[in-house]
Amino acid sequence: MRMRNAAAACAGLAALTSLTGCTVPSAGLTGITVTEDGRPVGVLMVCHDHIDGALLYTDSAGSGRDAAEEGGSEDAGRWSSSKPVTGFASWPLTTGGQGWRVDGPMPATLQPRRTYHLFGGTDDDSWSTADVSFTPEQLAALAPGQVRYFAGDVRGADDEGYVTGTIAQFRAACRDD
């Protein structure tokens, strides 16, 4: 519930002002990749401190930043780690595993052309990870070993600052901060 509140707070603050940021500081990055059979896998790279779980949400009004900025979002999945995550972690979103428990299952089928957002956070809202946004179409375009994640204004990034790179590049992105 707290991570959901943090996501809503971030969206609300973004709508109010572009000069202030979310009050939950970033401790790392979130990415998305796929298995050999195309199932989604969440990946975290925690640069400092720790993360306790992850949340997948979608804009309730459909795709687009306007809906997110208006604060309308719906939970689409929730996971918790059996121990605080430091460094690199990955887990299958549909089944959990690898130390991750599914607390709120994600939909069996993601809605076409809808934007989903995945991020990690702590139980006490002290830290979060930069979120990754993706559509089912972007997920389908990934090959195993490729990770979509936020990199900002860098060469190769799309208009929203997301890149697709290798797992090694994703892990190294913490060192670039």
Protein backbone atom coordinates (compact mmCIF):
# COMPACT_ATOMS: atom_id res chain seq x y z
CA MET A 1 0.00 0.00 0.00
CA ARG A 2 2.80 2.41 0.84
CA MET A 3 4.50 1.97 -2.56
CA ARG A 4 1.13 2.62 -4.22
CA ASN A 5 0.80 5.82 -2.18
CA ALA A 6 4.32 6.82 -3.21
CA ALA A 7 3.41 6.32 -6.88
CA ALA A 8 0.25 8.40 -6.50
CA ALA A 9 2.19 11.10 -4.64
CA CYS A 10 4.81 11.24 -7.39
CA ALA A 11 2.15 11.54 -10.09
CA GLY A 12 0.32 14.26 -8.14
CA LEU A 13 3.47 16.24 -7.53
CA ALA A 14 4.43 16.03 -11.19
CA ALA A 15 1.11 17.59 -12.10
CA LEU A 16 1.52 20.43 -9.59
CA THR A 17 4.99 21.54 -10.46
CA SER A 18 7.96 20.70 -12.59
CA LEU A 19 10.36 22.37 -10.16
CA THR A 20 10.06 19.89 -7.33
CA GLY A 21 10.44 16.13 -7.46
CA CYS A 22 8.94 13.21 -5.70
CA THR A 23 9.91 13.07 -2.05
CA VAL A 24 11.02 9.44 -2.31
CA PRO A 25 14.66 9.50 -3.45
CA SER A 26 15.97 7.07 -6.05
CA ALA A 27 18.23 4.20 -5.00
CA GLY A 28 18.57 2.60 -8.42
CA LEU A 29 16.94 1.50 -11.65
CA THR A 30 14.09 -0.74 -12.75
CA GLY A 31 14.07 -2.61 -16.04
CA ILE A 32 11.97 -5.12 -17.92
CA THR A 33 13.14 -8.11 -19.95
CA VAL A 34 11.59 -11.38 -21.15
CA THR A 35 12.14 -15.13 -20.90
CA GLU A 36 12.77 -17.35 -23.94
CA ASP A 37 9.00 -17.83 -24.27
CA GLY A 38 8.27 -14.08 -23.96
CA ARG A 39 7.09 -13.89 -20.34
CA PRO A 40 7.99 -10.62 -18.56
CA VAL A 41 10.81 -10.50 -16.01
CA GLY A 42 11.39 -7.53 -13.71
CA VAL A 43 14.98 -6.46 -13.06
CA LEU A 44 16.31 -4.08 -10.42
CA MET A 45 19.75 -2.57 -10.04
CA VAL A 46 19.99 -1.05 -6.58
CA CYS A 47 22.89 1.41 -6.54
CA HIS A 48 22.78 2.12 -2.80
CA ASP A 49 20.61 1.26 0.22
CA HIS A 50 17.92 -1.37 -0.47
CA ILE A 51 14.51 -2.12 -2.00
CA ASP A 52 11.79 -4.33 -0.43
CA GLY A 53 9.33 -4.89 -3.26
CA ALA A 54 7.98 -3.78 -6.62
CA LEU A 55 4.75 -2.43 -8.07
CA LEU A 56 3.32 -2.56 -11.58
CA TYR A 57 0.64 0.01 -12.38
CA THR A 58 -1.09 1.41 -15.42
CA ASP A 59 -2.76 4.68 -16.21
CA SER A 60 -6.49 4.26 -15.59
CA ALA A 61 -7.38 6.46 -18.54
CA GLY A 62 -5.18 4.45 -20.90
CA SER A 63 -1.76 5.33 -22.23
CA GLY A 64 0.00 8.60 -21.93
CA ARG A 65 1.69 10.90 -19.48
CA ASP A 66 -1.41 13.11 -19.12
CA ALA A 67 -3.32 10.35 -17.34
CA ALA A 68 -0.37 9.64 -15.04
CA GLU A 69 0.03 13.32 -14.24
CA GLU A 70 -3.67 13.52 -13.33
CA GLY A 71 -3.02 10.85 -10.70
CA GLY A 72 -5.33 8.26 -12.23
CA SER A 73 -3.62 4.89 -12.04
CA GLU A 74 -4.51 1.29 -11.28
CA ASP A 75 -2.37 -1.36 -9.62
CA ALA A 76 -1.61 -4.17 -12.04
CA GLY A 77 0.74 -6.30 -9.91
CA ARG A 78 2.72 -6.30 -6.69
CA TRP A 79 5.72 -8.31 -5.47
CA SER A 80 7.78 -8.48 -2.28
CA SER A 81 11.28 -9.79 -1.79
CA SER A 82 12.06 -12.28 0.97
CA LYS A 83 15.05 -10.12 1.96
CA PRO A 84 16.08 -6.51 1.26
CA VAL A 85 17.40 -6.22 -2.29
CA THR A 86 20.86 -4.75 -2.72
CA GLY A 87 22.63 -4.87 -6.06
CA PHE A 88 21.07 -6.76 -8.97
CA ALA A 89 17.84 -8.78 -8.76
CA SER A 90 15.46 -10.34 -11.27
CA TRP A 91 12.18 -12.22 -10.96
CA PRO A 92 9.45 -13.57 -13.26
CA LEU A 93 6.48 -11.22 -12.98
CA THR A 94 3.88 -13.91 -13.62
CA THR A 95 5.08 -16.46 -11.06
CA GLY A 96 7.49 -14.78 -8.67
CA GLY A 97 10.37 -16.93 -7.51
CA GLN A 98 14.07 -16.26 -6.98
CA GLY A 99 13.20 -14.84 -3.55
CA TRP A 100 10.18 -12.87 -4.79
CA ARG A 101 6.55 -13.47 -3.78
CA VAL A 102 3.55 -12.38 -5.85
CA ASP A 103 1.42 -10.24 -3.52
CA GLY A 104 -0.96 -9.00 -6.21
CA PRO A 105 -0.94 -10.99 -9.47
CA MET A 106 -0.58 -9.14 -12.74
CA PRO A 107 -3.19 -9.65 -15.47
CA ALA A 108 -2.75 -12.81 -17.56
CA THR A 109 -2.82 -10.61 -20.66
CA LEU A 110 -1.59 -7.03 -20.82
CA GLN A 111 -3.91 -4.69 -22.71
CA PRO A 112 -2.59 -3.67 -26.14
CA ARG A 113 -1.35 -0.07 -26.52
CA ARG A 114 -1.66 0.54 -22.78
CA THR A 115 1.37 1.84 -20.89
CA TYR A 116 2.50 -0.05 -17.80
CA HIS A 117 4.98 1.24 -15.21
CA LEU A 118 7.17 -0.91 -12.95
CA PHE A 119 9.26 0.36 -10.04
CA GLY A 120 10.79 -0.86 -6.80
CA GLY A 121 10.38 0.68 -3.37
CA THR A 122 10.90 0.23 0.34
CA ASP A 123 8.17 -0.61 2.83
CA ASP A 124 8.73 2.72 4.61
CA ASP A 125 8.91 4.84 1.41
CA SER A 126 12.51 5.82 2.13
CA TRP A 127 13.82 4.69 -1.30
CA SER A 128 12.51 3.75 -4.72
CA THR A 129 13.96 2.89 -8.10
CA ALA A 130 13.50 4.85 -11.32
CA ASP A 131 10.51 3.30 -13.04
CA VAL A 132 10.40 1.67 -16.44
CA SER A 133 7.38 2.20 -18.65
CA PHE A 134 6.44 -0.15 -21.44
CA THR A 135 3.58 -1.28 -23.63
CA PRO A 136 2.85 -4.91 -24.49
CA GLU A 137 4.14 -4.12 -27.98
CA GLN A 138 7.49 -2.89 -26.59
CA LEU A 139 7.67 -5.97 -24.37
CA ALA A 140 7.07 -8.25 -27.39
CA ALA A 141 9.95 -6.54 -29.24
CA LEU A 142 12.46 -7.50 -26.51
CA ALA A 143 14.67 -10.55 -26.88
CA PRO A 144 15.89 -12.52 -23.85
CA GLY A 145 18.90 -10.69 -22.39
CA GLN A 146 17.67 -7.28 -23.58
CA VAL A 147 16.50 -4.85 -20.89
CA ARG A 148 14.37 -1.74 -21.34
CA TYR A 149 15.16 0.90 -18.70
CA PHE A 150 15.28 4.65 -18.11
CA ALA A 151 18.61 6.26 -18.99
CA GLY A 152 17.61 9.89 -19.51
CA ASP A 153 18.91 12.13 -22.26
CA VAL A 154 21.52 9.83 -23.78
CA ARG A 155 22.30 8.76 -27.32
CA GLY A 156 20.04 5.90 -28.33
CA ALA A 157 17.24 6.77 -25.89
CA ASP A 158 13.69 7.17 -27.14
CA ASP A 159 11.74 10.42 -26.69
CA GLU A 160 10.93 9.51 -23.07
CA GLY A 161 14.54 8.64 -22.14
CA TYR A 162 14.26 4.83 -22.28
CA VAL A 163 16.90 2.60 -23.83
CA THR A 164 17.15 -1.08 -24.63
CA GLY A 165 20.48 -2.60 -23.69
CA THR A 166 22.06 -5.75 -22.39
CA ILE A 167 21.82 -6.90 -18.80
CA ALA A 168 25.49 -5.91 -18.40
CA GLN A 169 24.72 -2.37 -19.62
CA PHE A 170 21.76 -2.16 -17.25
CA ARG A 171 23.91 -3.27 -14.32
CA ALA A 172 26.62 -0.76 -15.27
CA ALA A 173 24.12 2.13 -15.38
CA CYS A 174 24.45 2.56 -11.59
CA ARG A 175 28.11 3.37 -12.03
CA ASP A 176 27.13 6.07 -14.53
CA ASP A 177 25.02 7.96 -11.92
